[in-house]
C-alpha cells in the first residue's frame, strides 16, 4: 500500500488524473475501502499539503491534486450502500475552514458502514445550525478545523441553537470536533 500511495502522489503531481484514477480503482479491487482511504488517500493528501507548504509545488498543483481526491471521495460517499433509517450525522467544516479532506474521509467511512450522512463541506456559518437541526434532526454534528483560528470560530456554536421552547434542548445533537486544531 505504501508503494501505491507514492505512485498516487507522483501521478497527481504530474497532473495525470487517468493514471491516478486507474491506481485508485486497482487499489479498490485489492484492498478494503478503509485501507484505501486511510493508507493511500490520507497520506497522499498530507504529502501534497506538505509539498506545497515547503514550496516544492505550486498552488495550482495542490488544487489539482486535492480536488481530484475530493471528487473521488465524494463519488465513494455517493456509491455507498443504502443508509440505515436512523438520525443522520452532519459533517461540516468550521466557519472559514476550507480544508475538508479529513471530513470527506470520515464521511466515506461512515457511509460505508451505512450511516446516513449530511455532508455540508467547507466553511459552515454557525447561524445556519439552528435551522439545520430543526429540519434534519441529526444525532450528531461533527465540526472539522485545521487551524487555531477556525477552531476558535466554533466557540460560539451553542448560541446558534434557538432555545425558544422547552424541547429545544432535547433536540440538541451531540457535537464532535476533529482536525489538526484539536
Protein backbone atom coordinates (compact mmCIF):
# COMPACT_ATOMS: atom_id res chain seq x y z
CA UNK A 1 0.00 0.00 0.00
CA UNK A 2 2.88 2.41 0.69
CA UNK A 3 4.02 1.97 -2.91
CA UNK A 4 0.53 2.81 -4.14
CA UNK A 5 0.50 5.96 -2.05
CA UNK A 6 3.79 7.04 -3.58
CA UNK A 7 2.55 6.29 -7.11
CA UNK A 8 -0.67 8.22 -6.49
CA UNK A 9 1.31 11.19 -5.18
CA UNK A 10 3.56 11.15 -8.27
CA UNK A 11 0.58 10.88 -10.65
CA UNK A 12 -1.16 13.82 -9.03
CA UNK A 13 1.96 15.99 -9.05
CA UNK A 14 2.22 15.19 -12.78
CA UNK A 15 -1.44 16.23 -13.36
CA UNK A 16 -2.14 12.69 -14.57
CA UNK A 17 -5.73 12.09 -13.49
CA UNK A 18 -6.10 8.99 -15.68
CA UNK A 19 -3.15 7.26 -14.01
CA UNK A 20 -4.36 8.36 -10.55
CA UNK A 21 -7.89 7.07 -11.23
CA UNK A 22 -6.59 3.75 -12.54
CA UNK A 23 -4.39 3.32 -9.48
CA UNK A 24 -7.27 4.04 -7.09
CA UNK A 25 -9.52 1.61 -8.99
CA UNK A 26 -6.84 -1.10 -8.79
CA UNK A 27 -6.39 -0.47 -5.06
CA UNK A 28 -10.16 -0.68 -4.51
CA UNK A 29 -10.21 -4.12 -6.16
CA UNK A 30 -7.41 -5.45 -3.94
CA UNK A 31 -7.93 -3.78 -0.56
CA UNK A 32 -10.76 -2.84 1.80
CA UNK A 33 -12.11 0.67 1.34
CA UNK A 34 -10.89 1.74 4.78
CA UNK A 35 -7.32 0.79 3.81
CA UNK A 36 -7.53 2.73 0.56
CA UNK A 37 -8.88 5.79 2.35
CA UNK A 38 -6.63 5.71 5.42
CA UNK A 39 -3.44 4.23 3.97
CA UNK A 40 -3.41 5.70 0.46
CA UNK A 41 -5.63 8.79 0.17
CA UNK A 42 -4.98 10.27 3.63
CA UNK A 43 -1.17 10.19 3.43
CA UNK A 44 -1.32 11.43 -0.15
CA UNK A 45 -3.38 14.46 0.90
CA UNK A 46 -0.91 15.13 3.71
CA UNK A 47 2.10 14.77 1.39
CA UNK A 48 0.55 17.15 -1.12
CA UNK A 49 -0.04 19.73 1.60
CA UNK A 50 3.48 19.31 2.93
CA UNK A 51 4.95 19.63 -0.56
CA UNK A 52 3.00 22.85 -1.14
CA UNK A 53 3.98 24.22 2.30
CA UNK A 54 7.66 23.51 1.56
CA UNK A 55 7.39 25.46 -1.69
CA UNK A 56 8.04 22.38 -3.82
CA UNK A 57 4.64 22.53 -5.51
CA UNK A 58 2.57 25.49 -6.57
CA UNK A 59 -0.99 26.32 -5.64
CA UNK A 60 -2.24 25.03 -9.00
CA UNK A 61 -0.67 21.63 -8.36
CA UNK A 62 -2.05 21.48 -4.82
CA UNK A 63 -5.52 22.46 -6.03
CA UNK A 64 -5.48 19.91 -8.85
CA UNK A 65 -4.41 17.09 -6.55
CA UNK A 66 -6.74 17.88 -3.67
CA UNK A 67 -9.70 18.48 -5.99
CA UNK A 68 -9.05 15.17 -7.73
CA UNK A 69 -9.05 13.36 -4.38
CA UNK A 70 -12.05 15.39 -3.16
CA UNK A 71 -14.04 14.34 -6.24
CA UNK A 72 -13.01 10.71 -5.75
CA UNK A 73 -14.07 10.75 -2.08
CA UNK A 74 -17.44 12.31 -2.95
CA UNK A 75 -18.03 9.55 -5.52
CA UNK A 76 -17.20 6.92 -2.90
CA UNK A 77 -19.63 8.52 -0.46
CA UNK A 78 -22.41 8.54 -3.07
CA UNK A 79 -21.71 4.93 -4.09
CA UNK A 80 -22.02 3.59 -0.54
CA UNK A 81 -24.74 1.14 0.41
CA UNK A 82 -28.16 2.49 1.37
CA UNK A 83 -28.04 4.04 4.84
CA UNK A 84 -29.89 2.75 7.87
CA UNK A 85 -33.09 4.60 8.80
CA UNK A 86 -31.62 6.47 11.77
CA UNK A 87 -30.91 10.12 12.51
CA UNK A 88 -28.03 11.33 10.33
CA UNK A 89 -24.60 12.58 11.24
CA UNK A 90 -23.89 16.08 9.94
CA UNK A 91 -20.32 16.78 8.81
CA UNK A 92 -19.21 20.40 8.42
CA UNK A 93 -16.07 22.47 8.40
CA UNK A 94 -15.82 25.27 10.94
CA UNK A 95 -16.52 28.81 9.72
CA UNK A 96 -13.77 29.93 7.33
CA UNK A 97 -12.27 26.41 7.22
CA UNK A 98 -11.57 25.35 3.65
CA UNK A 99 -9.68 22.09 4.26
CA UNK A 100 -12.22 19.29 4.09
CA UNK A 101 -10.14 16.23 3.24
CA UNK A 102 -10.36 14.62 6.66
CA UNK A 103 -14.07 15.34 6.90
CA UNK A 104 -14.65 13.76 3.48
CA UNK A 105 -12.73 10.66 4.52
CA UNK A 106 -14.85 10.40 7.66
CA UNK A 107 -17.97 10.73 5.51
CA UNK A 108 -16.84 7.93 3.22
CA UNK A 109 -16.10 5.60 6.12
CA UNK A 110 -19.39 6.39 7.88
CA UNK A 111 -21.37 5.87 4.67
CA UNK A 112 -19.59 2.58 4.03
CA UNK A 113 -20.89 1.47 7.45
CA UNK A 114 -24.37 2.58 6.27
CA UNK A 115 -24.65 5.64 8.50
CA UNK A 116 -26.72 8.42 6.95
CA UNK A 117 -24.52 11.46 6.43
CA UNK A 118 -25.46 15.05 5.67
CA UNK A 119 -22.23 16.42 4.23
CA UNK A 120 -22.05 20.23 4.33
CA UNK A 121 -18.39 20.76 3.47
CA UNK A 122 -16.37 23.92 3.78
CA UNK A 123 -16.96 26.97 5.95
CA UNK A 124 -20.37 26.44 7.54
CA UNK A 125 -21.82 29.64 9.02
CA UNK A 126 -22.87 28.90 12.60
CA UNK A 127 -26.04 30.96 12.11
CA UNK A 128 -27.36 28.14 9.88
CA UNK A 129 -27.12 25.46 12.58
CA UNK A 130 -30.46 26.04 14.32
CA UNK A 131 -32.42 25.73 11.08
CA UNK A 132 -30.44 22.65 10.08
CA UNK A 133 -31.08 20.94 13.41
CA UNK A 134 -34.81 21.69 13.24
CA UNK A 135 -35.11 20.34 9.69
CA UNK A 136 -32.69 17.40 9.78
CA UNK A 137 -32.77 16.41 13.47
CA UNK A 138 -29.26 14.93 13.38
CA UNK A 139 -27.92 12.59 16.03
CA UNK A 140 -24.56 14.32 15.83
CA UNK A 141 -22.74 17.21 14.21
CA UNK A 142 -19.01 16.85 13.61
CA UNK A 143 -17.07 20.04 13.00
CA UNK A 144 -13.61 19.98 11.43
CA UNK A 145 -10.93 22.64 11.87
CA UNK A 146 -7.27 22.58 10.93
CA UNK A 147 -6.14 25.93 12.31
CA UNK A 148 -6.50 27.53 15.71
CA UNK A 149 -8.41 30.44 14.17
CA UNK A 150 -11.07 28.24 12.60
CA UNK A 151 -11.32 26.13 15.76
CA UNK A 152 -11.88 29.25 17.85
CA UNK A 153 -14.68 30.27 15.48
CA UNK A 154 -16.61 27.27 16.83
CA UNK A 155 -16.63 28.62 20.39
CA UNK A 156 -19.98 30.33 19.81
CA UNK A 157 -21.87 27.34 18.40
CA UNK A 158 -24.16 26.97 21.47
CA UNK A 159 -25.60 30.43 20.80
CA UNK A 160 -26.57 29.23 17.34
CA UNK A 161 -29.30 26.97 18.68
CA UNK A 162 -32.71 28.53 19.16
CA UNK A 163 -33.88 27.87 22.71
CA UNK A 164 -37.37 29.19 22.11
CA UNK A 165 -39.13 26.27 23.76
CA UNK A 166 -38.52 23.63 26.42
CA UNK A 167 -37.98 20.87 23.89
CA UNK A 168 -35.22 22.73 22.03
CA UNK A 169 -32.59 21.38 24.42
CA UNK A 170 -33.82 17.85 23.77
CA UNK A 171 -33.20 18.32 20.04
CA UNK A 172 -29.61 19.46 20.50
CA UNK A 173 -27.40 16.83 18.85
CA UNK A 174 -24.09 15.55 20.15
CA UNK A 175 -21.32 17.88 18.95
CA UNK A 176 -17.97 16.42 17.91
CA UNK A 177 -14.74 18.04 16.81
CA UNK A 178 -11.94 16.82 14.60
CA UNK A 179 -8.94 18.06 12.69
CA UNK A 180 -5.39 19.16 13.35
CA UNK A 181 -6.50 22.12 15.52
CA UNK A 182 -7.90 19.75 18.14
